[in-house]
Amino acid sequence: MYKQHNRKHRAKHLKNENKIVNKISNKLTAAKAIVTKTDKGNSMIILPETDYNNKVHNFVDKNNVTHVPQDNTKTTTHRKDRHQRM
């Protein structure tokens, strides 16, 4: 009996959490805002999308970031793993 009650309680708790997350998501969408991790520390911040996009563009411009036409992540990771095994 106790296990069944505990499962029902957990299911109800998860359902409530999902409702809260959906409400927050809807509010962020309506406000055209995003949640992102801060540069320093272990915290998050809510920013308007336009502010976030401006910050990203400024970073790219100031740091001479170049566009790579294809994703080389797998190739680079494979080479690194192979090198570490030697």
Foldseek 3Di string as FASTA:
>chain_A
DVVVVVVVVVVVVVVVVVVVVVVVVVVCVVQQWDWDADPDDGDIDIDRPVVVVVVVVVVCVVPVDDDDPDDCVVVVVVVVVVVVVD
